[in-house]
N, C-alpha and C. Protein backbone atom coordinates (compact mmCIF):
# COMPACT_ATOMS: atom_id res chain seq x y z
N MET A 1 -68.48 -60.21 -36.24
CA MET A 1 -67.18 -60.69 -35.82
C MET A 1 -67.31 -62.19 -35.55
N ASP A 2 -66.42 -62.97 -36.17
CA ASP A 2 -66.53 -64.41 -35.96
C ASP A 2 -65.93 -64.81 -34.61
N LYS A 3 -66.28 -66.00 -34.15
CA LYS A 3 -65.90 -66.47 -32.82
C LYS A 3 -64.38 -66.55 -32.65
N GLU A 4 -63.66 -67.01 -33.68
CA GLU A 4 -62.21 -67.18 -33.58
C GLU A 4 -61.51 -65.84 -33.34
N ILE A 5 -61.88 -64.82 -34.09
CA ILE A 5 -61.21 -63.51 -33.94
C ILE A 5 -61.62 -62.86 -32.61
N LYS A 6 -62.88 -63.05 -32.20
CA LYS A 6 -63.32 -62.50 -30.91
C LYS A 6 -62.54 -63.15 -29.77
N THR A 7 -62.33 -64.46 -29.86
CA THR A 7 -61.54 -65.15 -28.84
C THR A 7 -60.11 -64.64 -28.82
N LYS A 8 -59.51 -64.41 -30.00
CA LYS A 8 -58.14 -63.88 -30.10
C LYS A 8 -58.06 -62.50 -29.43
N ILE A 9 -59.04 -61.63 -29.72
CA ILE A 9 -59.07 -60.29 -29.13
C ILE A 9 -59.21 -60.39 -27.61
N GLN A 10 -60.14 -61.20 -27.16
CA GLN A 10 -60.38 -61.36 -25.72
C GLN A 10 -59.13 -61.88 -25.02
N THR A 11 -58.45 -62.84 -25.63
CA THR A 11 -57.23 -63.40 -25.05
C THR A 11 -56.15 -62.32 -24.93
N LEU A 12 -55.96 -61.53 -25.99
CA LEU A 12 -54.96 -60.45 -25.94
C LEU A 12 -55.30 -59.45 -24.84
N LEU A 13 -56.56 -59.07 -24.74
CA LEU A 13 -56.97 -58.12 -23.70
C LEU A 13 -56.75 -58.68 -22.30
N ASP A 14 -57.08 -59.96 -22.12
CA ASP A 14 -56.95 -60.58 -20.81
C ASP A 14 -55.49 -60.80 -20.41
N GLN A 15 -54.60 -61.04 -21.38
CA GLN A 15 -53.19 -61.35 -21.10
C GLN A 15 -52.37 -60.11 -20.74
N HIS A 16 -52.85 -58.94 -21.07
CA HIS A 16 -52.07 -57.72 -20.87
C HIS A 16 -52.74 -56.83 -19.85
N ARG A 17 -52.00 -55.82 -19.41
CA ARG A 17 -52.56 -54.87 -18.45
C ARG A 17 -52.07 -53.44 -18.67
N VAL A 18 -51.27 -53.25 -19.71
CA VAL A 18 -50.75 -51.92 -20.05
C VAL A 18 -51.06 -51.65 -21.51
N MET A 19 -51.49 -50.42 -21.79
CA MET A 19 -51.77 -50.02 -23.16
C MET A 19 -51.25 -48.62 -23.39
N THR A 20 -51.06 -48.29 -24.65
CA THR A 20 -50.75 -46.92 -25.04
C THR A 20 -52.01 -46.34 -25.62
N VAL A 21 -52.45 -45.23 -25.05
CA VAL A 21 -53.67 -44.58 -25.52
C VAL A 21 -53.31 -43.21 -26.09
N ALA A 22 -53.86 -42.92 -27.26
CA ALA A 22 -53.60 -41.64 -27.91
C ALA A 22 -54.88 -40.81 -27.90
N THR A 23 -54.74 -39.56 -27.46
CA THR A 23 -55.83 -38.58 -27.45
C THR A 23 -55.38 -37.40 -28.30
N LEU A 24 -56.28 -36.45 -28.51
CA LEU A 24 -55.94 -35.27 -29.31
C LEU A 24 -55.83 -34.04 -28.43
N ARG A 25 -54.68 -33.38 -28.51
CA ARG A 25 -54.46 -32.13 -27.77
C ARG A 25 -55.29 -31.01 -28.42
N PRO A 26 -55.45 -29.88 -27.74
CA PRO A 26 -56.21 -28.77 -28.31
C PRO A 26 -55.64 -28.26 -29.63
N ASP A 27 -54.30 -28.37 -29.81
CA ASP A 27 -53.68 -27.89 -31.05
C ASP A 27 -53.73 -28.92 -32.18
N GLY A 28 -54.38 -30.08 -31.92
CA GLY A 28 -54.52 -31.10 -32.94
C GLY A 28 -53.44 -32.17 -32.93
N TRP A 29 -52.36 -31.95 -32.18
CA TRP A 29 -51.30 -32.96 -32.10
C TRP A 29 -51.79 -34.13 -31.26
N PRO A 30 -51.47 -35.35 -31.67
CA PRO A 30 -51.82 -36.50 -30.84
C PRO A 30 -50.92 -36.57 -29.61
N GLN A 31 -51.48 -37.09 -28.54
CA GLN A 31 -50.71 -37.33 -27.31
C GLN A 31 -50.86 -38.80 -26.97
N ALA A 32 -49.77 -39.53 -26.96
CA ALA A 32 -49.78 -40.95 -26.62
C ALA A 32 -49.19 -41.14 -25.23
N THR A 33 -49.92 -41.86 -24.39
CA THR A 33 -49.45 -42.13 -23.04
C THR A 33 -49.71 -43.59 -22.68
N THR A 34 -48.90 -44.09 -21.79
CA THR A 34 -49.04 -45.45 -21.31
C THR A 34 -49.88 -45.45 -20.06
N VAL A 35 -50.87 -46.34 -20.01
CA VAL A 35 -51.75 -46.46 -18.85
C VAL A 35 -52.01 -47.93 -18.57
N GLY A 36 -52.31 -48.25 -17.34
CA GLY A 36 -52.79 -49.58 -16.99
C GLY A 36 -54.26 -49.65 -17.33
N TYR A 37 -54.76 -50.86 -17.54
CA TYR A 37 -56.18 -51.01 -17.85
C TYR A 37 -56.71 -52.32 -17.30
N VAL A 38 -58.01 -52.40 -17.21
CA VAL A 38 -58.72 -53.64 -16.97
C VAL A 38 -59.79 -53.71 -18.05
N ASN A 39 -60.27 -54.92 -18.29
CA ASN A 39 -61.32 -55.06 -19.30
C ASN A 39 -62.41 -55.98 -18.79
N GLU A 40 -63.58 -55.73 -19.32
CA GLU A 40 -64.74 -56.59 -19.10
C GLU A 40 -65.25 -56.88 -20.50
N GLY A 41 -64.92 -58.06 -21.00
CA GLY A 41 -65.20 -58.35 -22.40
C GLY A 41 -64.33 -57.45 -23.25
N LEU A 42 -64.93 -56.81 -24.24
CA LEU A 42 -64.18 -55.92 -25.13
C LEU A 42 -64.15 -54.48 -24.65
N THR A 43 -64.81 -54.20 -23.53
CA THR A 43 -64.81 -52.86 -22.95
C THR A 43 -63.61 -52.73 -22.01
N LEU A 44 -62.85 -51.66 -22.19
CA LEU A 44 -61.67 -51.41 -21.37
C LEU A 44 -61.94 -50.24 -20.44
N TYR A 45 -61.21 -50.22 -19.32
CA TYR A 45 -61.28 -49.12 -18.36
C TYR A 45 -59.87 -48.71 -18.00
N PHE A 46 -59.65 -47.40 -17.89
CA PHE A 46 -58.38 -46.91 -17.35
C PHE A 46 -58.68 -45.68 -16.51
N LEU A 47 -57.73 -45.32 -15.68
CA LEU A 47 -57.93 -44.13 -14.86
C LEU A 47 -56.75 -43.20 -15.00
N CYS A 48 -56.99 -41.95 -14.67
CA CYS A 48 -55.94 -40.93 -14.71
C CYS A 48 -56.29 -39.84 -13.71
N GLY A 49 -55.38 -38.91 -13.55
CA GLY A 49 -55.60 -37.80 -12.63
C GLY A 49 -56.78 -36.93 -13.07
N LEU A 50 -57.42 -36.32 -12.10
CA LEU A 50 -58.58 -35.47 -12.38
C LEU A 50 -58.24 -34.33 -13.33
N ASP A 51 -57.06 -33.77 -13.18
CA ASP A 51 -56.66 -32.62 -14.00
C ASP A 51 -55.62 -32.98 -15.05
N SER A 52 -55.56 -34.25 -15.45
CA SER A 52 -54.55 -34.67 -16.41
C SER A 52 -54.86 -34.15 -17.81
N GLN A 53 -53.83 -34.08 -18.63
CA GLN A 53 -54.00 -33.66 -20.02
C GLN A 53 -54.90 -34.65 -20.76
N LYS A 54 -54.75 -35.95 -20.47
CA LYS A 54 -55.61 -36.97 -21.11
C LYS A 54 -57.08 -36.68 -20.84
N ALA A 55 -57.41 -36.42 -19.57
CA ALA A 55 -58.80 -36.16 -19.20
C ALA A 55 -59.33 -34.92 -19.93
N ALA A 56 -58.52 -33.87 -20.02
CA ALA A 56 -58.93 -32.65 -20.72
C ALA A 56 -59.10 -32.93 -22.22
N ASN A 57 -58.18 -33.70 -22.79
CA ASN A 57 -58.28 -34.03 -24.22
C ASN A 57 -59.56 -34.81 -24.51
N ILE A 58 -59.87 -35.80 -23.69
CA ILE A 58 -61.06 -36.64 -23.90
C ILE A 58 -62.33 -35.83 -23.67
N ALA A 59 -62.31 -34.89 -22.74
CA ALA A 59 -63.49 -34.05 -22.52
C ALA A 59 -63.82 -33.24 -23.77
N ARG A 60 -62.81 -32.87 -24.54
CA ARG A 60 -62.99 -32.11 -25.77
C ARG A 60 -63.36 -32.99 -26.95
N ASP A 61 -62.75 -34.20 -27.01
CA ASP A 61 -62.95 -35.11 -28.15
C ASP A 61 -62.77 -36.53 -27.61
N ASP A 62 -63.85 -37.28 -27.59
CA ASP A 62 -63.81 -38.61 -26.96
C ASP A 62 -63.20 -39.71 -27.83
N ARG A 63 -62.73 -39.36 -29.03
CA ARG A 63 -62.08 -40.37 -29.88
C ARG A 63 -60.68 -40.65 -29.36
N VAL A 64 -60.38 -41.95 -29.24
CA VAL A 64 -59.04 -42.38 -28.84
C VAL A 64 -58.58 -43.50 -29.76
N SER A 65 -57.29 -43.66 -29.86
CA SER A 65 -56.69 -44.83 -30.48
C SER A 65 -55.80 -45.45 -29.42
N LEU A 66 -55.67 -46.77 -29.47
CA LEU A 66 -54.84 -47.43 -28.47
C LEU A 66 -54.16 -48.64 -29.08
N THR A 67 -53.09 -49.04 -28.43
CA THR A 67 -52.39 -50.27 -28.81
C THR A 67 -52.13 -51.09 -27.56
N ILE A 68 -52.17 -52.40 -27.75
CA ILE A 68 -51.83 -53.35 -26.71
C ILE A 68 -50.93 -54.39 -27.36
N ASP A 69 -49.73 -54.57 -26.82
CA ASP A 69 -48.79 -55.53 -27.39
C ASP A 69 -47.70 -55.81 -26.38
N HIS A 70 -46.72 -56.58 -26.78
CA HIS A 70 -45.57 -56.88 -25.95
C HIS A 70 -44.40 -57.21 -26.86
N ASP A 71 -43.24 -57.21 -26.28
CA ASP A 71 -42.04 -57.55 -27.03
C ASP A 71 -42.00 -59.07 -27.23
N ALA A 72 -41.63 -59.51 -28.41
CA ALA A 72 -41.53 -60.94 -28.71
C ALA A 72 -40.09 -61.27 -29.07
N PRO A 73 -39.59 -62.43 -28.64
CA PRO A 73 -38.20 -62.78 -28.94
C PRO A 73 -37.95 -63.01 -30.42
N GLN A 74 -38.95 -63.46 -31.15
CA GLN A 74 -38.83 -63.72 -32.59
C GLN A 74 -39.81 -62.82 -33.32
N VAL A 75 -39.38 -62.19 -34.40
CA VAL A 75 -40.23 -61.24 -35.11
C VAL A 75 -41.54 -61.88 -35.57
N MET A 76 -41.52 -63.14 -35.95
CA MET A 76 -42.73 -63.79 -36.45
C MET A 76 -43.66 -64.24 -35.32
N GLU A 77 -43.32 -63.88 -34.08
CA GLU A 77 -44.19 -64.16 -32.94
C GLU A 77 -44.92 -62.91 -32.47
N ILE A 78 -44.73 -61.78 -33.16
CA ILE A 78 -45.37 -60.54 -32.74
C ILE A 78 -46.89 -60.66 -32.86
N THR A 79 -47.56 -60.30 -31.78
CA THR A 79 -49.03 -60.21 -31.77
C THR A 79 -49.41 -58.95 -31.00
N GLY A 80 -50.59 -58.48 -31.24
CA GLY A 80 -51.08 -57.32 -30.53
C GLY A 80 -52.35 -56.84 -31.18
N LEU A 81 -52.83 -55.71 -30.71
CA LEU A 81 -53.99 -55.12 -31.34
C LEU A 81 -53.94 -53.62 -31.23
N SER A 82 -54.65 -52.99 -32.14
CA SER A 82 -54.87 -51.55 -32.05
C SER A 82 -56.37 -51.35 -32.17
N MET A 83 -56.82 -50.23 -31.67
CA MET A 83 -58.25 -50.02 -31.57
C MET A 83 -58.58 -48.54 -31.77
N ALA A 84 -59.62 -48.29 -32.55
CA ALA A 84 -60.24 -46.97 -32.60
C ALA A 84 -61.46 -47.07 -31.70
N ALA A 85 -61.59 -46.13 -30.79
CA ALA A 85 -62.64 -46.27 -29.77
C ALA A 85 -63.13 -44.91 -29.30
N ARG A 86 -64.16 -44.95 -28.50
CA ARG A 86 -64.69 -43.77 -27.81
C ARG A 86 -64.45 -43.98 -26.31
N ALA A 87 -64.00 -42.94 -25.64
CA ALA A 87 -63.76 -43.00 -24.20
C ALA A 87 -64.77 -42.10 -23.50
N GLN A 88 -65.52 -42.69 -22.60
CA GLN A 88 -66.51 -41.92 -21.84
C GLN A 88 -66.16 -41.96 -20.36
N PRO A 89 -66.32 -40.84 -19.68
CA PRO A 89 -66.06 -40.86 -18.24
C PRO A 89 -67.09 -41.74 -17.54
N VAL A 90 -66.63 -42.50 -16.57
CA VAL A 90 -67.54 -43.31 -15.75
C VAL A 90 -68.08 -42.40 -14.66
N THR A 91 -69.37 -42.18 -14.67
CA THR A 91 -70.00 -41.29 -13.69
C THR A 91 -70.83 -42.04 -12.66
N ASP A 92 -71.18 -43.29 -12.96
CA ASP A 92 -71.95 -44.10 -12.03
C ASP A 92 -71.01 -44.62 -10.93
N LYS A 93 -71.32 -44.30 -9.69
CA LYS A 93 -70.43 -44.66 -8.57
C LYS A 93 -70.25 -46.17 -8.45
N ALA A 94 -71.30 -46.95 -8.65
CA ALA A 94 -71.19 -48.41 -8.54
C ALA A 94 -70.25 -48.97 -9.61
N GLU A 95 -70.36 -48.45 -10.84
CA GLU A 95 -69.46 -48.90 -11.92
C GLU A 95 -68.02 -48.50 -11.60
N ALA A 96 -67.83 -47.28 -11.11
CA ALA A 96 -66.49 -46.80 -10.76
C ALA A 96 -65.87 -47.67 -9.67
N GLU A 97 -66.64 -48.00 -8.65
CA GLU A 97 -66.13 -48.83 -7.56
C GLU A 97 -65.79 -50.23 -8.06
N LYS A 98 -66.59 -50.75 -8.99
CA LYS A 98 -66.31 -52.07 -9.57
C LYS A 98 -64.97 -52.05 -10.31
N VAL A 99 -64.73 -51.00 -11.09
CA VAL A 99 -63.46 -50.88 -11.83
C VAL A 99 -62.29 -50.81 -10.86
N LEU A 100 -62.43 -50.05 -9.79
CA LEU A 100 -61.34 -49.93 -8.82
C LEU A 100 -61.09 -51.25 -8.08
N ARG A 101 -62.11 -52.09 -7.96
CA ARG A 101 -61.91 -53.42 -7.37
C ARG A 101 -61.23 -54.36 -8.38
N MET A 102 -61.52 -54.18 -9.67
CA MET A 102 -60.94 -55.03 -10.71
C MET A 102 -59.44 -54.79 -10.91
N LEU A 103 -59.01 -53.55 -10.76
CA LEU A 103 -57.61 -53.20 -11.05
C LEU A 103 -56.60 -54.04 -10.27
N PRO A 104 -56.70 -54.16 -8.96
CA PRO A 104 -55.69 -54.95 -8.24
C PRO A 104 -55.69 -56.42 -8.65
N MET A 105 -56.80 -56.93 -9.12
CA MET A 105 -56.86 -58.34 -9.52
C MET A 105 -56.08 -58.59 -10.81
N LYS A 106 -55.79 -57.55 -11.57
CA LYS A 106 -55.05 -57.69 -12.83
C LYS A 106 -53.55 -57.81 -12.56
N TYR A 107 -53.13 -57.48 -11.35
CA TYR A 107 -51.70 -57.47 -11.00
C TYR A 107 -51.42 -58.52 -9.92
N PRO A 108 -50.22 -59.11 -9.95
CA PRO A 108 -49.86 -60.03 -8.86
C PRO A 108 -49.73 -59.22 -7.57
N PRO A 109 -49.72 -59.90 -6.44
CA PRO A 109 -49.56 -59.15 -5.18
C PRO A 109 -48.32 -58.25 -5.25
N GLN A 110 -48.49 -57.03 -4.81
CA GLN A 110 -47.42 -56.04 -4.85
C GLN A 110 -46.68 -56.03 -3.52
N THR A 111 -45.35 -55.88 -3.58
CA THR A 111 -44.57 -55.84 -2.34
C THR A 111 -44.73 -54.51 -1.62
N SER A 112 -44.95 -53.43 -2.37
CA SER A 112 -45.18 -52.15 -1.73
C SER A 112 -46.02 -51.28 -2.65
N LEU A 113 -46.89 -50.53 -2.06
CA LEU A 113 -47.74 -49.60 -2.80
C LEU A 113 -47.58 -48.22 -2.18
N PRO A 114 -47.72 -47.17 -2.97
CA PRO A 114 -47.54 -45.82 -2.41
C PRO A 114 -48.67 -45.42 -1.46
N GLY A 115 -49.76 -46.14 -1.47
CA GLY A 115 -50.89 -45.83 -0.60
C GLY A 115 -52.08 -46.68 -0.99
N PRO A 116 -53.22 -46.40 -0.41
CA PRO A 116 -54.41 -47.19 -0.74
C PRO A 116 -54.91 -46.85 -2.15
N MET A 117 -55.72 -47.75 -2.70
CA MET A 117 -56.35 -47.52 -4.00
C MET A 117 -57.17 -46.23 -3.90
N PRO A 118 -57.11 -45.37 -4.92
CA PRO A 118 -57.89 -44.13 -4.85
C PRO A 118 -59.39 -44.41 -4.85
N THR A 119 -60.14 -43.45 -4.43
CA THR A 119 -61.60 -43.55 -4.47
C THR A 119 -62.07 -42.98 -5.81
N PRO A 120 -63.32 -43.25 -6.20
CA PRO A 120 -63.83 -42.70 -7.46
C PRO A 120 -63.78 -41.17 -7.53
N ASP A 121 -63.81 -40.52 -6.38
CA ASP A 121 -63.77 -39.05 -6.36
C ASP A 121 -62.35 -38.50 -6.55
N GLU A 122 -61.35 -39.36 -6.41
CA GLU A 122 -59.96 -38.90 -6.48
C GLU A 122 -59.31 -39.09 -7.85
N VAL A 123 -59.99 -39.80 -8.74
CA VAL A 123 -59.44 -40.08 -10.07
C VAL A 123 -60.54 -39.93 -11.12
N ARG A 124 -60.12 -39.85 -12.35
CA ARG A 124 -61.04 -39.89 -13.49
C ARG A 124 -60.95 -41.29 -14.07
N ILE A 125 -62.09 -41.95 -14.20
CA ILE A 125 -62.13 -43.31 -14.76
C ILE A 125 -62.83 -43.22 -16.11
N PHE A 126 -62.22 -43.84 -17.11
CA PHE A 126 -62.79 -43.84 -18.46
C PHE A 126 -63.15 -45.25 -18.90
N ARG A 127 -64.29 -45.35 -19.54
CA ARG A 127 -64.75 -46.57 -20.19
C ARG A 127 -64.44 -46.42 -21.66
N VAL A 128 -63.74 -47.39 -22.23
CA VAL A 128 -63.32 -47.33 -23.63
C VAL A 128 -64.10 -48.40 -24.41
N VAL A 129 -64.91 -47.94 -25.35
CA VAL A 129 -65.75 -48.84 -26.15
C VAL A 129 -65.23 -48.84 -27.58
N PRO A 130 -64.79 -50.00 -28.08
CA PRO A 130 -64.18 -50.06 -29.41
C PRO A 130 -65.18 -49.88 -30.54
N SER A 131 -64.70 -49.27 -31.62
CA SER A 131 -65.45 -49.17 -32.88
C SER A 131 -64.82 -50.08 -33.93
N VAL A 132 -63.49 -50.02 -34.01
CA VAL A 132 -62.73 -50.83 -34.97
C VAL A 132 -61.52 -51.40 -34.23
N ILE A 133 -61.27 -52.69 -34.44
CA ILE A 133 -60.12 -53.35 -33.84
C ILE A 133 -59.30 -53.99 -34.95
N SER A 134 -57.99 -53.75 -34.90
CA SER A 134 -57.06 -54.39 -35.82
C SER A 134 -56.21 -55.35 -35.02
N VAL A 135 -56.28 -56.63 -35.37
CA VAL A 135 -55.55 -57.67 -34.66
C VAL A 135 -54.31 -58.03 -35.47
N LEU A 136 -53.15 -57.84 -34.85
CA LEU A 136 -51.87 -58.10 -35.49
C LEU A 136 -51.38 -59.49 -35.09
N ASP A 137 -51.03 -60.32 -36.08
CA ASP A 137 -50.55 -61.68 -35.79
C ASP A 137 -49.55 -62.09 -36.87
N TYR A 138 -48.27 -61.88 -36.59
CA TYR A 138 -47.22 -62.20 -37.56
C TYR A 138 -47.11 -63.69 -37.84
N SER A 139 -47.64 -64.55 -36.95
CA SER A 139 -47.55 -65.99 -37.21
C SER A 139 -48.35 -66.37 -38.46
N LYS A 140 -49.24 -65.48 -38.88
CA LYS A 140 -50.02 -65.71 -40.11
C LYS A 140 -49.38 -65.04 -41.33
N GLY A 141 -48.22 -64.44 -41.13
CA GLY A 141 -47.51 -63.76 -42.21
C GLY A 141 -47.02 -62.41 -41.72
N PHE A 142 -45.92 -61.94 -42.27
CA PHE A 142 -45.31 -60.68 -41.86
C PHE A 142 -46.33 -59.53 -41.94
N GLY A 143 -46.59 -58.88 -40.82
CA GLY A 143 -47.51 -57.74 -40.80
C GLY A 143 -48.98 -58.10 -40.94
N HIS A 144 -49.35 -59.38 -40.81
CA HIS A 144 -50.74 -59.79 -41.00
C HIS A 144 -51.66 -59.14 -39.96
N THR A 145 -52.74 -58.55 -40.43
CA THR A 145 -53.76 -57.99 -39.55
C THR A 145 -55.15 -58.45 -39.99
N ASP A 146 -56.02 -58.58 -39.01
CA ASP A 146 -57.44 -58.81 -39.26
C ASP A 146 -58.15 -57.57 -38.73
N LEU A 147 -58.94 -56.93 -39.59
CA LEU A 147 -59.66 -55.72 -39.21
C LEU A 147 -61.11 -56.09 -38.89
N VAL A 148 -61.56 -55.68 -37.71
CA VAL A 148 -62.89 -56.03 -37.25
C VAL A 148 -63.64 -54.76 -36.86
N THR A 149 -64.85 -54.62 -37.38
CA THR A 149 -65.73 -53.54 -36.94
C THR A 149 -66.63 -54.07 -35.85
N VAL A 150 -66.70 -53.35 -34.75
CA VAL A 150 -67.48 -53.81 -33.60
C VAL A 150 -68.88 -53.20 -33.67
C-alpha cells in the first residue's frame, strides 16, 4: 500500500466515528447495523451487547464487511471506504479497557449520558482487522475507487 492511499484511509477513519457493519445470520442473510467505532491505525474497534445478534453472528463467522462515509452536498465530493475484514473478540482486559477509554475521546463532550461507560464485562468488544479496503473518491471521477489489499 503506498503512502498516499494509506494516508487517505487513515484520514477517513480518523474523521468519522460511525460505520455500518455487515455480519452473516445463521440462515445466510446478511445483517447490516450501524455502530460507533474507534480506530488505532487501520485497526477498528466497536462494541455491542453481550447477547446481540451481531455478537452471535461473529462467533459463528468472523468475516465482516463495513462501510464508512458521510453525506456530501455535491455528488462529486463523495468519499468513503468499504472494507472486508475479520472481527475478533477482545479478550485481553487491558486492551478492552484501552478501547473503552478511547471511545469518549472520539466524541465531543456530551450534555447527557444514560449512565457511566460500560465495563469490559458488560459489553462485547470486537477488534476489526482489514483484509481488503476499497477507497471511494468521486473527486477523481464518478465512482472512482482504489482497491488495497492489506
